[in-house]
Amino acid sequence: MFKPIEELLDRPEALAHMPALYDTEKVDLENHFFLMRFYHPLSRQSWYAVEYDPTERIFFGWTDGEFQEWSYFSLLEMAFTEVMGVPVMWDVDFKPIRFGDSKAQEVRD
């Protein structure tokens, strides 16, 4: 099931399981877990969240699209972004996966 990411603004409990920013910085990259996935249906862009700061509403994770990289991305920015009237979506059924077991690892190698 997919929901507009803006629904997370009113559901902080959905983010309560996320490690805080920098909590996993000493973990080898291959052992980082993608815990949530966001994407835009009209593009190849996806964001995989590993950590989250509820005060700043910032995620750290893997960005997959034209460029693949570890980066920070804003819940607020994504929640208010629409392309041709289509919002960024939250993949509610996404199952956590270790970076080393994901297809994203192939890009890095």
N, C-alpha and C. Protein backbone atom coordinates (compact mmCIF):
# COMPACT_ATOMS: atom_id res chain seq x y z
N MET A 1 0.84 -1.16 0.00
CA MET A 1 0.00 0.00 0.00
C MET A 1 0.90 1.24 0.00
N PHE A 2 0.45 2.24 -0.71
CA PHE A 2 1.20 3.48 -0.83
C PHE A 2 0.35 4.64 -0.33
N LYS A 3 0.98 5.53 0.42
CA LYS A 3 0.29 6.71 0.93
C LYS A 3 1.17 7.92 0.66
N PRO A 4 0.55 9.09 0.50
CA PRO A 4 1.36 10.30 0.37
C PRO A 4 2.23 10.47 1.61
N ILE A 5 3.47 10.83 1.40
CA ILE A 5 4.41 10.96 2.52
C ILE A 5 3.93 11.99 3.54
N GLU A 6 3.12 12.94 3.10
CA GLU A 6 2.64 13.97 4.03
C GLU A 6 1.85 13.38 5.19
N GLU A 7 1.34 12.16 5.05
CA GLU A 7 0.62 11.51 6.15
C GLU A 7 1.53 11.26 7.36
N LEU A 8 2.84 11.16 7.11
CA LEU A 8 3.78 10.97 8.22
C LEU A 8 3.86 12.19 9.13
N LEU A 9 3.49 13.36 8.62
CA LEU A 9 3.52 14.57 9.44
C LEU A 9 2.57 14.45 10.63
N ASP A 10 1.49 13.73 10.45
CA ASP A 10 0.50 13.55 11.51
C ASP A 10 0.61 12.20 12.21
N ARG A 11 1.65 11.43 11.88
CA ARG A 11 1.81 10.10 12.47
C ARG A 11 3.23 9.88 12.98
N PRO A 12 3.65 10.64 13.99
CA PRO A 12 5.02 10.49 14.49
C PRO A 12 5.30 9.08 15.02
N GLU A 13 4.27 8.35 15.43
CA GLU A 13 4.47 6.98 15.91
C GLU A 13 4.99 6.07 14.80
N ALA A 14 4.72 6.40 13.55
CA ALA A 14 5.20 5.59 12.43
C ALA A 14 6.71 5.72 12.25
N LEU A 15 7.29 6.76 12.86
CA LEU A 15 8.73 7.00 12.76
C LEU A 15 9.46 6.69 14.05
N ALA A 16 8.74 6.28 15.06
CA ALA A 16 9.33 6.05 16.39
C ALA A 16 10.38 4.95 16.41
N HIS A 17 10.32 4.02 15.48
CA HIS A 17 11.27 2.90 15.44
C HIS A 17 12.61 3.26 14.77
N MET A 18 12.68 4.45 14.20
CA MET A 18 13.88 4.86 13.47
C MET A 18 15.00 5.25 14.43
N PRO A 19 16.23 4.77 14.17
CA PRO A 19 17.36 5.25 14.98
C PRO A 19 17.54 6.76 14.78
N ALA A 20 18.04 7.42 15.79
CA ALA A 20 18.32 8.85 15.69
C ALA A 20 19.49 9.09 14.74
N LEU A 21 19.58 10.32 14.22
CA LEU A 21 20.71 10.65 13.36
C LEU A 21 22.02 10.36 14.08
N TYR A 22 22.94 9.77 13.39
CA TYR A 22 24.29 9.42 13.84
C TYR A 22 24.35 8.18 14.74
N ASP A 23 23.20 7.59 15.08
CA ASP A 23 23.22 6.40 15.92
C ASP A 23 23.90 5.21 15.24
N THR A 24 23.89 5.17 13.92
CA THR A 24 24.47 4.02 13.22
C THR A 24 25.75 4.39 12.47
N GLU A 25 26.33 5.54 12.77
CA GLU A 25 27.49 5.99 12.00
C GLU A 25 28.71 5.08 12.14
N LYS A 26 28.80 4.31 13.20
CA LYS A 26 29.94 3.40 13.37
C LYS A 26 29.67 2.02 12.78
N VAL A 27 28.49 1.83 12.24
CA VAL A 27 28.12 0.56 11.59
C VAL A 27 28.65 0.58 10.16
N ASP A 28 29.26 -0.52 9.72
CA ASP A 28 29.70 -0.62 8.33
C ASP A 28 28.52 -0.34 7.41
N LEU A 29 28.78 0.36 6.32
CA LEU A 29 27.70 0.72 5.40
C LEU A 29 26.88 -0.49 4.96
N GLU A 30 27.55 -1.61 4.71
CA GLU A 30 26.85 -2.81 4.25
C GLU A 30 25.82 -3.30 5.27
N ASN A 31 26.00 -2.91 6.54
CA ASN A 31 25.10 -3.37 7.60
C ASN A 31 24.05 -2.34 8.02
N HIS A 32 23.99 -1.24 7.30
CA HIS A 32 22.90 -0.29 7.53
C HIS A 32 21.60 -0.91 7.03
N PHE A 33 20.52 -0.69 7.75
CA PHE A 33 19.22 -1.20 7.32
C PHE A 33 18.37 -0.08 6.75
N PHE A 34 17.84 -0.31 5.55
CA PHE A 34 16.83 0.58 4.98
C PHE A 34 15.54 0.24 5.71
N LEU A 35 14.99 1.18 6.45
CA LEU A 35 13.80 0.92 7.27
C LEU A 35 12.52 1.43 6.65
N MET A 36 12.62 2.45 5.80
CA MET A 36 11.45 3.00 5.12
C MET A 36 11.85 3.37 3.70
N ARG A 37 10.86 3.34 2.81
CA ARG A 37 11.10 3.71 1.42
C ARG A 37 10.08 4.76 1.00
N PHE A 38 10.58 5.77 0.30
CA PHE A 38 9.75 6.81 -0.29
C PHE A 38 10.12 6.90 -1.77
N TYR A 39 9.18 7.29 -2.60
CA TYR A 39 9.48 7.40 -4.03
C TYR A 39 8.51 8.36 -4.68
N HIS A 40 8.85 8.80 -5.87
CA HIS A 40 7.93 9.60 -6.65
C HIS A 40 7.50 8.79 -7.87
N PRO A 41 6.19 8.57 -8.03
CA PRO A 41 5.69 7.71 -9.11
C PRO A 41 6.04 8.17 -10.52
N LEU A 42 6.31 9.44 -10.71
CA LEU A 42 6.60 9.94 -12.06
C LEU A 42 8.10 10.07 -12.34
N SER A 43 8.91 9.51 -11.45
CA SER A 43 10.35 9.58 -11.66
C SER A 43 10.99 8.27 -11.23
N ARG A 44 12.29 8.18 -11.41
CA ARG A 44 13.04 7.01 -10.96
C ARG A 44 13.61 7.23 -9.56
N GLN A 45 13.20 8.30 -8.90
CA GLN A 45 13.78 8.68 -7.62
C GLN A 45 13.14 7.91 -6.45
N SER A 46 14.00 7.33 -5.62
CA SER A 46 13.56 6.69 -4.37
C SER A 46 14.50 7.11 -3.26
N TRP A 47 13.98 7.13 -2.05
CA TRP A 47 14.76 7.45 -0.85
C TRP A 47 14.54 6.32 0.14
N TYR A 48 15.63 5.80 0.71
CA TYR A 48 15.57 4.71 1.68
C TYR A 48 16.11 5.24 3.01
N ALA A 49 15.25 5.33 4.00
CA ALA A 49 15.60 5.94 5.29
C ALA A 49 16.28 4.94 6.22
N VAL A 50 17.37 5.38 6.84
CA VAL A 50 18.14 4.58 7.81
C VAL A 50 18.03 5.20 9.20
N GLU A 51 18.07 6.52 9.28
CA GLU A 51 18.01 7.25 10.55
C GLU A 51 17.05 8.43 10.40
N TYR A 52 16.60 8.96 11.55
CA TYR A 52 15.64 10.07 11.49
C TYR A 52 15.80 10.97 12.72
N ASP A 53 15.71 12.27 12.50
CA ASP A 53 15.71 13.25 13.58
C ASP A 53 14.30 13.87 13.65
N PRO A 54 13.52 13.53 14.69
CA PRO A 54 12.15 14.03 14.77
C PRO A 54 12.04 15.53 15.02
N THR A 55 13.06 16.14 15.58
CA THR A 55 13.03 17.58 15.82
C THR A 55 13.19 18.34 14.51
N GLU A 56 14.20 17.97 13.75
CA GLU A 56 14.48 18.63 12.47
C GLU A 56 13.70 18.02 11.30
N ARG A 57 13.13 16.83 11.55
CA ARG A 57 12.40 16.08 10.51
C ARG A 57 13.29 15.80 9.30
N ILE A 58 14.49 15.31 9.62
CA ILE A 58 15.50 14.99 8.59
C ILE A 58 15.81 13.50 8.67
N PHE A 59 15.89 12.87 7.51
CA PHE A 59 16.32 11.48 7.39
C PHE A 59 17.75 11.43 6.92
N PHE A 60 18.42 10.33 7.24
CA PHE A 60 19.69 9.96 6.60
C PHE A 60 19.43 8.62 5.95
N GLY A 61 19.93 8.48 4.73
CA GLY A 61 19.75 7.20 4.06
C GLY A 61 20.30 7.22 2.65
N TRP A 62 19.83 6.29 1.87
CA TRP A 62 20.29 6.06 0.51
C TRP A 62 19.33 6.72 -0.47
N THR A 63 19.87 7.51 -1.37
CA THR A 63 19.08 8.13 -2.43
C THR A 63 19.38 7.39 -3.72
N ASP A 64 18.33 6.94 -4.38
CA ASP A 64 18.48 6.14 -5.59
C ASP A 64 17.69 6.80 -6.71
N GLY A 65 18.39 7.14 -7.76
CA GLY A 65 17.77 7.78 -8.91
C GLY A 65 18.83 7.99 -9.96
N GLU A 66 18.85 9.18 -10.54
CA GLU A 66 19.89 9.48 -11.53
C GLU A 66 21.27 9.35 -10.90
N PHE A 67 21.36 9.74 -9.63
CA PHE A 67 22.58 9.58 -8.86
C PHE A 67 22.26 8.74 -7.64
N GLN A 68 23.15 7.84 -7.26
CA GLN A 68 22.98 7.03 -6.06
C GLN A 68 24.01 7.49 -5.04
N GLU A 69 23.52 7.78 -3.82
CA GLU A 69 24.44 8.26 -2.79
C GLU A 69 23.78 8.20 -1.42
N TRP A 70 24.63 8.21 -0.39
CA TRP A 70 24.17 8.38 0.98
C TRP A 70 23.96 9.87 1.16
N SER A 71 22.83 10.25 1.75
CA SER A 71 22.56 11.68 1.90
C SER A 71 21.50 11.91 2.98
N TYR A 72 21.26 13.18 3.26
CA TYR A 72 20.20 13.61 4.16
C TYR A 72 19.05 14.10 3.30
N PHE A 73 17.81 13.83 3.74
CA PHE A 73 16.65 14.34 3.02
C PHE A 73 15.57 14.70 4.02
N SER A 74 14.82 15.72 3.67
CA SER A 74 13.86 16.35 4.58
C SER A 74 12.44 15.80 4.39
N LEU A 75 11.84 15.38 5.50
CA LEU A 75 10.44 14.95 5.47
C LEU A 75 9.56 16.11 5.02
N LEU A 76 9.77 17.29 5.57
CA LEU A 76 8.94 18.44 5.21
C LEU A 76 9.07 18.79 3.73
N GLU A 77 10.28 18.79 3.23
CA GLU A 77 10.49 19.12 1.82
C GLU A 77 9.79 18.10 0.92
N MET A 78 9.92 16.81 1.25
CA MET A 78 9.27 15.79 0.43
C MET A 78 7.75 15.85 0.58
N ALA A 79 7.26 16.18 1.77
CA ALA A 79 5.82 16.22 2.02
C ALA A 79 5.13 17.32 1.21
N PHE A 80 5.86 18.38 0.90
CA PHE A 80 5.25 19.49 0.17
C PHE A 80 5.73 19.58 -1.27
N THR A 81 6.34 18.51 -1.76
CA THR A 81 6.79 18.46 -3.14
C THR A 81 5.76 17.70 -3.97
N GLU A 82 5.34 18.31 -5.06
CA GLU A 82 4.46 17.65 -6.02
C GLU A 82 5.01 17.91 -7.41
N VAL A 83 4.93 16.91 -8.25
CA VAL A 83 5.30 17.05 -9.66
C VAL A 83 4.05 16.68 -10.44
N MET A 84 3.57 17.63 -11.23
CA MET A 84 2.34 17.44 -12.01
C MET A 84 1.19 16.99 -11.11
N GLY A 85 1.14 17.56 -9.90
CA GLY A 85 0.08 17.25 -8.96
C GLY A 85 0.21 15.94 -8.22
N VAL A 86 1.32 15.23 -8.42
CA VAL A 86 1.54 13.93 -7.79
C VAL A 86 2.56 14.09 -6.67
N PRO A 87 2.21 13.66 -5.44
CA PRO A 87 3.13 13.81 -4.31
C PRO A 87 4.14 12.67 -4.22
N VAL A 88 5.16 12.88 -3.40
CA VAL A 88 6.08 11.81 -3.03
C VAL A 88 5.29 10.82 -2.19
N MET A 89 5.52 9.53 -2.42
CA MET A 89 4.74 8.49 -1.76
C MET A 89 5.57 7.73 -0.74
N TRP A 90 4.89 7.19 0.25
CA TRP A 90 5.46 6.36 1.31
C TRP A 90 5.02 4.93 1.02
N ASP A 91 5.99 4.04 0.89
CA ASP A 91 5.72 2.61 0.66
C ASP A 91 5.47 1.97 2.02
N VAL A 92 4.21 1.92 2.42
CA VAL A 92 3.82 1.45 3.75
C VAL A 92 4.20 -0.01 3.98
N ASP A 93 4.19 -0.81 2.91
CA ASP A 93 4.47 -2.25 3.02
C ASP A 93 5.94 -2.61 2.85
N PHE A 94 6.80 -1.60 2.75
CA PHE A 94 8.23 -1.85 2.56
C PHE A 94 8.78 -2.67 3.74
N LYS A 95 9.52 -3.72 3.43
CA LYS A 95 10.17 -4.56 4.45
C LYS A 95 11.62 -4.12 4.60
N PRO A 96 12.07 -3.88 5.82
CA PRO A 96 13.47 -3.48 6.02
C PRO A 96 14.44 -4.45 5.36
N ILE A 97 15.49 -3.89 4.79
CA ILE A 97 16.50 -4.70 4.13
C ILE A 97 17.87 -4.08 4.41
N ARG A 98 18.83 -4.95 4.61
CA ARG A 98 20.21 -4.52 4.85
C ARG A 98 20.79 -3.99 3.54
N PHE A 99 21.52 -2.88 3.61
CA PHE A 99 22.13 -2.30 2.42
C PHE A 99 22.93 -3.34 1.65
N GLY A 100 23.70 -4.15 2.35
CA GLY A 100 24.52 -5.17 1.70
C GLY A 100 23.73 -6.23 0.96
N ASP A 101 22.45 -6.38 1.29
CA ASP A 101 21.58 -7.36 0.62
C ASP A 101 20.70 -6.72 -0.45
N SER A 102 20.81 -5.44 -0.62
CA SER A 102 19.94 -4.74 -1.58
C SER A 102 20.63 -4.57 -2.93
N LYS A 103 19.84 -4.23 -3.92
CA LYS A 103 20.39 -3.96 -5.25
C LYS A 103 21.25 -2.69 -5.23
N ALA A 104 21.00 -1.82 -4.27
CA ALA A 104 21.79 -0.60 -4.14
C ALA A 104 23.27 -0.91 -3.93
N GLN A 105 23.56 -2.01 -3.25
CA GLN A 105 24.94 -2.41 -3.01
C GLN A 105 25.68 -2.64 -4.33
N GLU A 106 24.99 -3.16 -5.34
CA GLU A 106 25.60 -3.43 -6.64
C GLU A 106 26.08 -2.13 -7.29
N VAL A 107 25.34 -1.04 -7.08
CA VAL A 107 25.71 0.25 -7.63
C VAL A 107 27.01 0.74 -7.04
N ARG A 108 27.18 0.51 -5.74
CA ARG A 108 28.37 1.00 -5.02
C ARG A 108 29.61 0.23 -5.39
N ASP A 109 29.49 -1.05 -5.70
CA ASP A 109 30.67 -1.90 -5.98
C ASP A 109 31.35 -1.55 -7.28
